Amino acid sequence: MKTLYLLRHAKSSWATPEQKDFDRPLDERGLEEAPQMAALLKARAEMPQLVVSSPALRALSTARIVCEQLGTPVDSIIENRQIYLAGSPKLQQLISLFDEAASSAMLVAHNPALTDLANDLAHAGIDNIPTCGLVTLELPIEHWAELLPGIGRLHRFEYPNQPD
């Protein structure tokens, strides 16, 4: 059994409209919400063994904050440039190549691909993963390479300021 955490980057800043999308930093709300989402994982003692992130500043910053909160070395984050513009099929391909030693992994990425991925893997019925939203999928596989559309089960879908 593998566990896959899909984390959308936290809220980014649009304060500098001429700034390249890739270089947009987190805004104040994003800096508050990323630790909150990490606290949910920490409270349940859920520690992804592998963290793979888009290198876009807002995604990598989110991954770093989460790792810091969980006590995971920030330098263990794997950056993969292909994630930045990838669609669901490409993300599935990248996940299938994850280190087999990890029974749990977190992918920090962007929409709409992340929402599409959750729906493709688990028929989750999610309209939109909001910024800093976290989807936890249970995958009945022993090897990441066995990943197939529809194989997963939606375990949790959480996001900041979620109504009870």
N, C-alpha and C. Protein backbone atom coordinates (compact mmCIF):
# COMPACT_ATOMS: atom_id res chain seq x y z
N MET A 1 0.85 -1.18 0.00
CA MET A 1 0.00 0.00 0.00
C MET A 1 0.89 1.24 0.00
N LYS A 2 0.59 2.16 -0.87
CA LYS A 2 1.28 3.44 -0.93
C LYS A 2 0.29 4.55 -0.58
N THR A 3 0.81 5.63 -0.01
CA THR A 3 0.00 6.81 0.28
C THR A 3 0.58 7.97 -0.51
N LEU A 4 -0.28 8.66 -1.22
CA LEU A 4 0.13 9.81 -2.02
C LEU A 4 -0.59 11.05 -1.52
N TYR A 5 0.19 12.05 -1.14
CA TYR A 5 -0.34 13.34 -0.72
C TYR A 5 -0.18 14.31 -1.89
N LEU A 6 -1.26 14.92 -2.30
CA LEU A 6 -1.22 15.93 -3.36
C LEU A 6 -1.48 17.28 -2.70
N LEU A 7 -0.49 18.13 -2.72
CA LEU A 7 -0.59 19.44 -2.07
C LEU A 7 -0.46 20.54 -3.12
N ARG A 8 -1.51 21.33 -3.22
CA ARG A 8 -1.42 22.50 -4.10
C ARG A 8 -0.65 23.59 -3.36
N HIS A 9 0.18 24.30 -4.08
CA HIS A 9 0.94 25.39 -3.45
C HIS A 9 0.01 26.35 -2.73
N ALA A 10 0.54 27.01 -1.73
CA ALA A 10 -0.21 28.01 -0.97
C ALA A 10 -0.44 29.26 -1.82
N LYS A 11 -1.27 30.14 -1.33
CA LYS A 11 -1.65 31.37 -2.05
C LYS A 11 -0.43 32.21 -2.39
N SER A 12 -0.35 32.60 -3.64
CA SER A 12 0.80 33.39 -4.09
C SER A 12 0.43 34.85 -4.28
N SER A 13 1.44 35.65 -4.35
CA SER A 13 1.27 37.09 -4.46
C SER A 13 1.19 37.53 -5.92
N TRP A 14 0.31 38.48 -6.15
CA TRP A 14 0.19 39.14 -7.46
C TRP A 14 0.57 40.61 -7.32
N ALA A 15 1.34 40.94 -6.28
CA ALA A 15 1.69 42.33 -6.00
C ALA A 15 2.51 42.96 -7.12
N THR A 16 3.25 42.14 -7.84
CA THR A 16 4.07 42.63 -8.94
C THR A 16 3.58 41.97 -10.22
N PRO A 17 2.60 42.60 -10.90
CA PRO A 17 1.97 41.96 -12.07
C PRO A 17 2.93 41.58 -13.18
N GLU A 18 4.03 42.33 -13.32
CA GLU A 18 4.97 42.04 -14.41
C GLU A 18 5.92 40.88 -14.07
N GLN A 19 5.84 40.38 -12.85
CA GLN A 19 6.70 39.28 -12.43
C GLN A 19 6.31 37.99 -13.16
N LYS A 20 7.31 37.22 -13.55
CA LYS A 20 7.05 35.95 -14.21
C LYS A 20 6.26 35.04 -13.27
N ASP A 21 5.34 34.29 -13.83
CA ASP A 21 4.51 33.37 -13.05
C ASP A 21 5.39 32.41 -12.23
N PHE A 22 6.43 31.91 -12.81
CA PHE A 22 7.32 30.95 -12.15
C PHE A 22 7.94 31.53 -10.88
N ASP A 23 8.14 32.85 -10.85
CA ASP A 23 8.85 33.51 -9.75
C ASP A 23 7.94 34.16 -8.71
N ARG A 24 6.63 33.92 -8.79
CA ARG A 24 5.73 34.54 -7.82
C ARG A 24 5.92 33.92 -6.43
N PRO A 25 6.12 34.77 -5.41
CA PRO A 25 6.30 34.27 -4.03
C PRO A 25 4.94 34.02 -3.36
N LEU A 26 4.98 33.45 -2.19
CA LEU A 26 3.75 33.30 -1.40
C LEU A 26 3.36 34.66 -0.85
N ASP A 27 2.06 34.88 -0.72
CA ASP A 27 1.60 36.11 -0.07
C ASP A 27 1.40 35.83 1.41
N GLU A 28 0.92 36.82 2.13
CA GLU A 28 0.76 36.70 3.58
C GLU A 28 -0.15 35.53 3.96
N ARG A 29 -1.25 35.40 3.23
CA ARG A 29 -2.18 34.30 3.50
C ARG A 29 -1.51 32.94 3.27
N GLY A 30 -0.75 32.84 2.20
CA GLY A 30 -0.04 31.60 1.91
C GLY A 30 0.96 31.24 2.99
N LEU A 31 1.64 32.24 3.51
CA LEU A 31 2.62 32.02 4.57
C LEU A 31 1.96 31.58 5.88
N GLU A 32 0.69 31.90 6.05
CA GLU A 32 -0.06 31.47 7.24
C GLU A 32 -0.66 30.08 7.04
N GLU A 33 -1.16 29.81 5.84
CA GLU A 33 -1.89 28.57 5.61
C GLU A 33 -1.00 27.34 5.43
N ALA A 34 0.18 27.51 4.87
CA ALA A 34 1.06 26.35 4.68
C ALA A 34 1.40 25.68 6.02
N PRO A 35 1.78 26.43 7.06
CA PRO A 35 2.04 25.76 8.35
C PRO A 35 0.80 25.11 8.95
N GLN A 36 -0.37 25.70 8.70
CA GLN A 36 -1.62 25.11 9.20
C GLN A 36 -1.85 23.73 8.59
N MET A 37 -1.61 23.61 7.30
CA MET A 37 -1.82 22.32 6.64
C MET A 37 -0.78 21.30 7.10
N ALA A 38 0.43 21.76 7.32
CA ALA A 38 1.46 20.87 7.85
C ALA A 38 1.07 20.39 9.24
N ALA A 39 0.45 21.26 10.03
CA ALA A 39 0.04 20.90 11.39
C ALA A 39 -1.00 19.78 11.37
N LEU A 40 -1.85 19.75 10.35
CA LEU A 40 -2.82 18.66 10.23
C LEU A 40 -2.10 17.32 10.08
N LEU A 41 -1.11 17.31 9.22
CA LEU A 41 -0.33 16.09 9.01
C LEU A 41 0.41 15.70 10.28
N LYS A 42 1.03 16.66 10.90
CA LYS A 42 1.83 16.40 12.10
C LYS A 42 0.96 15.86 13.23
N ALA A 43 -0.23 16.40 13.39
CA ALA A 43 -1.14 15.95 14.44
C ALA A 43 -1.53 14.49 14.27
N ARG A 44 -1.54 14.03 13.03
CA ARG A 44 -1.90 12.63 12.74
C ARG A 44 -0.65 11.76 12.58
N ALA A 45 0.53 12.34 12.82
CA ALA A 45 1.81 11.64 12.65
C ALA A 45 1.94 11.09 11.23
N GLU A 46 1.47 11.87 10.26
CA GLU A 46 1.61 11.50 8.86
C GLU A 46 2.79 12.27 8.29
N MET A 47 3.86 11.54 8.01
CA MET A 47 5.09 12.15 7.53
C MET A 47 5.46 11.55 6.18
N PRO A 48 5.23 12.26 5.10
CA PRO A 48 5.63 11.71 3.80
C PRO A 48 7.13 11.39 3.80
N GLN A 49 7.47 10.23 3.28
CA GLN A 49 8.87 9.82 3.24
C GLN A 49 9.61 10.46 2.07
N LEU A 50 8.86 10.98 1.12
CA LEU A 50 9.43 11.58 -0.07
C LEU A 50 8.61 12.82 -0.39
N VAL A 51 9.29 13.93 -0.68
CA VAL A 51 8.60 15.16 -1.08
C VAL A 51 9.18 15.61 -2.41
N VAL A 52 8.30 15.71 -3.40
CA VAL A 52 8.70 16.12 -4.75
C VAL A 52 7.90 17.36 -5.10
N SER A 53 8.59 18.40 -5.54
CA SER A 53 7.94 19.69 -5.76
C SER A 53 8.29 20.29 -7.11
N SER A 54 7.34 21.03 -7.63
CA SER A 54 7.63 21.95 -8.72
C SER A 54 8.65 22.95 -8.20
N PRO A 55 9.59 23.38 -9.04
CA PRO A 55 10.55 24.37 -8.58
C PRO A 55 10.04 25.81 -8.66
N ALA A 56 8.81 26.01 -9.11
CA ALA A 56 8.24 27.36 -9.10
C ALA A 56 8.27 27.86 -7.67
N LEU A 57 8.60 29.11 -7.47
CA LEU A 57 8.85 29.66 -6.14
C LEU A 57 7.71 29.40 -5.17
N ARG A 58 6.47 29.59 -5.59
CA ARG A 58 5.34 29.40 -4.67
C ARG A 58 5.18 27.94 -4.25
N ALA A 59 5.46 27.01 -5.14
CA ALA A 59 5.36 25.58 -4.80
C ALA A 59 6.52 25.16 -3.92
N LEU A 60 7.71 25.54 -4.29
CA LEU A 60 8.89 25.16 -3.51
C LEU A 60 8.85 25.79 -2.12
N SER A 61 8.38 27.01 -2.02
CA SER A 61 8.25 27.66 -0.71
C SER A 61 7.24 26.90 0.16
N THR A 62 6.14 26.47 -0.45
CA THR A 62 5.14 25.69 0.28
C THR A 62 5.75 24.38 0.77
N ALA A 63 6.46 23.70 -0.11
CA ALA A 63 7.10 22.43 0.26
C ALA A 63 8.10 22.63 1.40
N ARG A 64 8.85 23.71 1.35
CA ARG A 64 9.85 23.98 2.40
C ARG A 64 9.17 24.24 3.74
N ILE A 65 8.12 25.02 3.73
CA ILE A 65 7.39 25.32 4.98
C ILE A 65 6.84 24.03 5.58
N VAL A 66 6.22 23.21 4.75
CA VAL A 66 5.64 21.96 5.24
C VAL A 66 6.73 21.06 5.81
N CYS A 67 7.84 20.93 5.10
CA CYS A 67 8.93 20.09 5.59
C CYS A 67 9.49 20.61 6.91
N GLU A 68 9.68 21.92 7.01
CA GLU A 68 10.17 22.50 8.26
C GLU A 68 9.24 22.17 9.42
N GLN A 69 7.94 22.31 9.19
CA GLN A 69 6.95 22.04 10.24
C GLN A 69 6.93 20.57 10.65
N LEU A 70 7.18 19.69 9.68
CA LEU A 70 7.15 18.25 9.95
C LEU A 70 8.48 17.73 10.48
N GLY A 71 9.50 18.57 10.44
CA GLY A 71 10.82 18.13 10.88
C GLY A 71 11.56 17.32 9.83
N THR A 72 11.14 17.47 8.59
CA THR A 72 11.80 16.80 7.46
C THR A 72 12.86 17.73 6.90
N PRO A 73 14.06 17.23 6.64
CA PRO A 73 15.10 18.11 6.09
C PRO A 73 14.66 18.76 4.78
N VAL A 74 14.75 20.07 4.74
CA VAL A 74 14.36 20.83 3.55
C VAL A 74 15.21 20.43 2.35
N ASP A 75 16.46 20.07 2.60
CA ASP A 75 17.33 19.71 1.48
C ASP A 75 17.00 18.33 0.90
N SER A 76 16.02 17.64 1.48
CA SER A 76 15.59 16.35 0.93
C SER A 76 14.50 16.51 -0.12
N ILE A 77 13.97 17.73 -0.27
CA ILE A 77 12.93 17.98 -1.28
C ILE A 77 13.54 17.78 -2.67
N ILE A 78 12.86 17.01 -3.48
CA ILE A 78 13.29 16.79 -4.85
C ILE A 78 12.53 17.77 -5.74
N GLU A 79 13.26 18.60 -6.45
CA GLU A 79 12.65 19.54 -7.39
C GLU A 79 12.61 18.90 -8.77
N ASN A 80 11.46 19.00 -9.42
CA ASN A 80 11.34 18.45 -10.76
C ASN A 80 10.66 19.49 -11.64
N ARG A 81 11.44 20.06 -12.54
CA ARG A 81 10.95 21.14 -13.40
C ARG A 81 9.78 20.71 -14.28
N GLN A 82 9.68 19.43 -14.59
CA GLN A 82 8.61 18.95 -15.45
C GLN A 82 7.23 19.13 -14.81
N ILE A 83 7.18 19.22 -13.49
CA ILE A 83 5.91 19.36 -12.78
C ILE A 83 5.24 20.69 -13.11
N TYR A 84 6.02 21.73 -13.33
CA TYR A 84 5.50 23.09 -13.47
C TYR A 84 4.40 23.20 -14.53
N LEU A 85 4.60 22.67 -15.69
CA LEU A 85 3.61 22.78 -16.76
C LEU A 85 2.94 21.45 -17.08
N ALA A 86 3.13 20.45 -16.25
CA ALA A 86 2.62 19.11 -16.53
C ALA A 86 1.11 19.03 -16.35
N GLY A 87 0.51 18.17 -17.15
CA GLY A 87 -0.88 17.78 -16.97
C GLY A 87 -0.92 16.48 -16.17
N SER A 88 -2.10 15.99 -15.93
CA SER A 88 -2.26 14.78 -15.15
C SER A 88 -1.48 13.58 -15.71
N PRO A 89 -1.51 13.31 -17.01
CA PRO A 89 -0.77 12.14 -17.51
C PRO A 89 0.73 12.22 -17.22
N LYS A 90 1.30 13.41 -17.37
CA LYS A 90 2.73 13.57 -17.09
C LYS A 90 3.00 13.40 -15.59
N LEU A 91 2.14 13.96 -14.75
CA LEU A 91 2.32 13.79 -13.31
C LEU A 91 2.24 12.32 -12.92
N GLN A 92 1.32 11.59 -13.53
CA GLN A 92 1.23 10.15 -13.26
C GLN A 92 2.53 9.44 -13.65
N GLN A 93 3.07 9.83 -14.79
CA GLN A 93 4.33 9.24 -15.24
C GLN A 93 5.45 9.54 -14.24
N LEU A 94 5.52 10.77 -13.76
CA LEU A 94 6.56 11.16 -12.81
C LEU A 94 6.41 10.40 -11.49
N ILE A 95 5.17 10.24 -11.02
CA ILE A 95 4.92 9.51 -9.77
C ILE A 95 5.34 8.05 -9.92
N SER A 96 5.11 7.49 -11.10
CA SER A 96 5.45 6.09 -11.32
C SER A 96 6.96 5.85 -11.21
N LEU A 97 7.73 6.91 -11.23
CA LEU A 97 9.19 6.81 -11.12
C LEU A 97 9.71 7.13 -9.72
N PHE A 98 8.80 7.39 -8.77
CA PHE A 98 9.22 7.70 -7.40
C PHE A 98 10.05 6.57 -6.82
N ASP A 99 10.89 6.91 -5.88
CA ASP A 99 11.75 5.96 -5.19
C ASP A 99 10.90 4.89 -4.50
N GLU A 100 11.15 3.65 -4.83
CA GLU A 100 10.38 2.53 -4.28
C GLU A 100 10.53 2.39 -2.77
N ALA A 101 11.59 2.91 -2.22
CA ALA A 101 11.81 2.80 -0.77
C ALA A 101 10.76 3.59 0.01
N ALA A 102 10.13 4.57 -0.64
CA ALA A 102 9.13 5.41 0.02
C ALA A 102 7.74 4.79 -0.10
N SER A 103 7.10 4.56 1.05
CA SER A 103 5.73 4.05 1.01
C SER A 103 4.73 5.21 0.99
N SER A 104 5.23 6.42 1.27
CA SER A 104 4.38 7.61 1.19
C SER A 104 5.16 8.73 0.53
N ALA A 105 4.45 9.51 -0.26
CA ALA A 105 5.10 10.61 -0.98
C ALA A 105 4.15 11.79 -1.10
N MET A 106 4.73 12.98 -1.12
CA MET A 106 3.96 14.20 -1.31
C MET A 106 4.41 14.87 -2.60
N LEU A 107 3.44 15.21 -3.44
CA LEU A 107 3.69 15.95 -4.65
C LEU A 107 3.14 17.35 -4.44
N VAL A 108 3.99 18.36 -4.57
CA VAL A 108 3.58 19.76 -4.41
C VAL A 108 3.56 20.37 -5.81
N ALA A 109 2.36 20.75 -6.24
CA ALA A 109 2.21 21.15 -7.64
C ALA A 109 1.13 22.20 -7.81
N HIS A 110 0.62 22.30 -9.04
CA HIS A 110 -0.25 23.39 -9.48
C HIS A 110 -1.57 22.87 -10.03
N ASN A 111 -2.54 23.75 -10.05
CA ASN A 111 -3.80 23.46 -10.72
C ASN A 111 -3.75 24.00 -12.14
N PRO A 112 -4.54 23.48 -13.04
CA PRO A 112 -5.59 22.48 -12.85
C PRO A 112 -5.08 21.03 -12.81
N ALA A 113 -3.80 20.84 -13.07
CA ALA A 113 -3.26 19.48 -13.17
C ALA A 113 -3.45 18.67 -11.89
N LEU A 114 -3.31 19.31 -10.72
CA LEU A 114 -3.40 18.56 -9.46
C LEU A 114 -4.84 18.06 -9.23
N THR A 115 -5.81 18.90 -9.50
CA THR A 115 -7.20 18.47 -9.38
C THR A 115 -7.50 17.35 -10.38
N ASP A 116 -7.03 17.51 -11.60
CA ASP A 116 -7.22 16.47 -12.61
C ASP A 116 -6.58 15.16 -12.17
N LEU A 117 -5.40 15.25 -11.58
CA LEU A 117 -4.69 14.06 -11.12
C LEU A 117 -5.49 13.33 -10.03
N ALA A 118 -5.98 14.07 -9.04
CA ALA A 118 -6.77 13.46 -7.96
C ALA A 118 -7.99 12.75 -8.54
N ASN A 119 -8.64 13.39 -9.49
CA ASN A 119 -9.83 12.79 -10.10
C ASN A 119 -9.47 11.61 -10.99
N ASP A 120 -8.37 11.70 -11.70
CA ASP A 120 -7.95 10.59 -12.56
C ASP A 120 -7.53 9.36 -11.74
N LEU A 121 -6.82 9.59 -10.66
CA LEU A 121 -6.32 8.46 -9.87
C LEU A 121 -7.38 7.82 -8.99
N ALA A 122 -8.33 8.62 -8.50
CA ALA A 122 -9.27 8.09 -7.51
C ALA A 122 -10.73 8.40 -7.81
N HIS A 123 -11.03 8.93 -8.99
CA HIS A 123 -12.41 9.31 -9.30
C HIS A 123 -12.98 10.09 -8.10
N ALA A 124 -12.19 11.07 -7.66
CA ALA A 124 -12.48 11.78 -6.41
C ALA A 124 -13.66 12.75 -6.50
N GLY A 125 -14.00 13.19 -7.68
CA GLY A 125 -15.12 14.13 -7.82
C GLY A 125 -14.84 15.50 -7.24
N ILE A 126 -13.59 15.90 -7.25
CA ILE A 126 -13.19 17.21 -6.71
C ILE A 126 -13.28 18.24 -7.83
N ASP A 127 -14.02 19.33 -7.59
CA ASP A 127 -14.14 20.39 -8.59
C ASP A 127 -12.87 21.21 -8.69
N ASN A 128 -12.26 21.48 -7.53
CA ASN A 128 -11.08 22.34 -7.50
C ASN A 128 -10.35 22.13 -6.18
N ILE A 129 -9.07 21.86 -6.26
CA ILE A 129 -8.25 21.85 -5.05
C ILE A 129 -7.83 23.30 -4.84
N PRO A 130 -8.29 23.95 -3.77
CA PRO A 130 -7.92 25.35 -3.56
C PRO A 130 -6.45 25.47 -3.15
N THR A 131 -5.95 26.69 -3.14
CA THR A 131 -4.57 26.89 -2.73
C THR A 131 -4.36 26.29 -1.36
N CYS A 132 -3.27 25.58 -1.23
CA CYS A 132 -2.85 24.88 -0.01
C CYS A 132 -3.78 23.72 0.34
N GLY A 133 -4.60 23.31 -0.62
CA GLY A 133 -5.45 22.15 -0.42
C GLY A 133 -4.62 20.88 -0.45
N LEU A 134 -5.03 19.91 0.34
CA LEU A 134 -4.30 18.65 0.49
C LEU A 134 -5.24 17.48 0.24
N VAL A 135 -4.88 16.66 -0.72
CA VAL A 135 -5.64 15.45 -1.03
C VAL A 135 -4.76 14.27 -0.64
N THR A 136 -5.33 13.35 0.13
CA THR A 136 -4.61 12.14 0.52
C THR A 136 -5.26 10.96 -0.17
N LEU A 137 -4.46 10.25 -0.96
CA LEU A 137 -4.94 9.09 -1.69
C LEU A 137 -4.27 7.82 -1.17
N GLU A 138 -5.05 6.79 -1.02
CA GLU A 138 -4.51 5.47 -0.69
C GLU A 138 -4.44 4.69 -2.00
N LEU A 139 -3.27 4.13 -2.25
CA LEU A 139 -3.05 3.39 -3.49
C LEU A 139 -2.73 1.93 -3.16
N PRO A 140 -3.56 1.00 -3.62
CA PRO A 140 -3.34 -0.41 -3.33
C PRO A 140 -2.27 -1.02 -4.24
N ILE A 141 -1.09 -0.47 -4.15
CA ILE A 141 0.03 -0.93 -4.97
C ILE A 141 1.25 -1.11 -4.08
N GLU A 142 2.16 -1.95 -4.53
CA GLU A 142 3.42 -2.13 -3.81
C GLU A 142 4.54 -1.31 -4.43
N HIS A 143 4.39 -0.99 -5.70
CA HIS A 143 5.43 -0.25 -6.43
C HIS A 143 4.79 0.95 -7.12
N TRP A 144 5.46 2.09 -7.05
CA TRP A 144 4.94 3.29 -7.70
C TRP A 144 4.70 3.05 -9.18
N ALA A 145 5.49 2.20 -9.79
CA ALA A 145 5.36 1.91 -11.22
C ALA A 145 4.02 1.25 -11.56
N GLU A 146 3.31 0.74 -10.56
CA GLU A 146 2.01 0.11 -10.78
C GLU A 146 0.86 1.11 -10.81
N LEU A 147 1.18 2.38 -10.68
CA LEU A 147 0.16 3.43 -10.65
C LEU A 147 -0.65 3.43 -11.95
N LEU A 148 -1.98 3.42 -11.79
CA LEU A 148 -2.89 3.45 -12.94
C LEU A 148 -4.06 4.37 -12.62
N PRO A 149 -4.67 4.98 -13.63
CA PRO A 149 -5.86 5.77 -13.40
C PRO A 149 -6.95 4.93 -12.72
N GLY A 150 -7.65 5.52 -11.78
CA GLY A 150 -8.76 4.87 -11.12
C GLY A 150 -8.39 3.90 -10.01
N ILE A 151 -7.11 3.70 -9.77
CA ILE A 151 -6.66 2.71 -8.80
C ILE A 151 -6.76 3.19 -7.35
N GLY A 152 -6.75 4.49 -7.15
CA GLY A 152 -6.67 5.04 -5.81
C GLY A 152 -8.02 5.19 -5.12
N ARG A 153 -7.92 5.46 -3.82
CA ARG A 153 -9.11 5.75 -3.00
C ARG A 153 -8.86 7.06 -2.29
N LEU A 154 -9.82 7.97 -2.41
CA LEU A 154 -9.72 9.25 -1.72
C LEU A 154 -9.86 9.00 -0.23
N HIS A 155 -8.82 9.33 0.51
CA HIS A 155 -8.84 9.16 1.97
C HIS A 155 -9.27 10.46 2.65
N ARG A 156 -8.68 11.57 2.20
CA ARG A 156 -9.02 12.88 2.77
C ARG A 156 -8.87 13.96 1.70
N PHE A 157 -9.69 15.00 1.85
CA PHE A 157 -9.56 16.22 1.06
C PHE A 157 -9.74 17.36 2.04
N GLU A 158 -8.65 18.08 2.28
CA GLU A 158 -8.66 19.15 3.28
C GLU A 158 -8.08 20.42 2.68
N TYR A 159 -8.52 21.54 3.22
CA TYR A 159 -7.98 22.82 2.79
C TYR A 159 -8.14 23.84 3.90
N PRO A 160 -7.38 24.92 3.84
CA PRO A 160 -7.46 25.94 4.89
C PRO A 160 -8.86 26.52 5.01
N ASN A 161 -9.25 26.80 6.24
CA ASN A 161 -10.55 27.40 6.54
C ASN A 161 -11.72 26.59 6.00
N GLN A 162 -11.54 25.29 5.99
CA GLN A 162 -12.58 24.38 5.53
C GLN A 162 -13.75 24.40 6.52
N PRO A 163 -14.99 24.52 6.01
CA PRO A 163 -16.13 24.48 6.93
C PRO A 163 -16.25 23.10 7.57
N ASP A 164 -16.74 23.07 8.80
CA ASP A 164 -16.89 21.78 9.50
C ASP A 164 -18.02 20.96 8.95
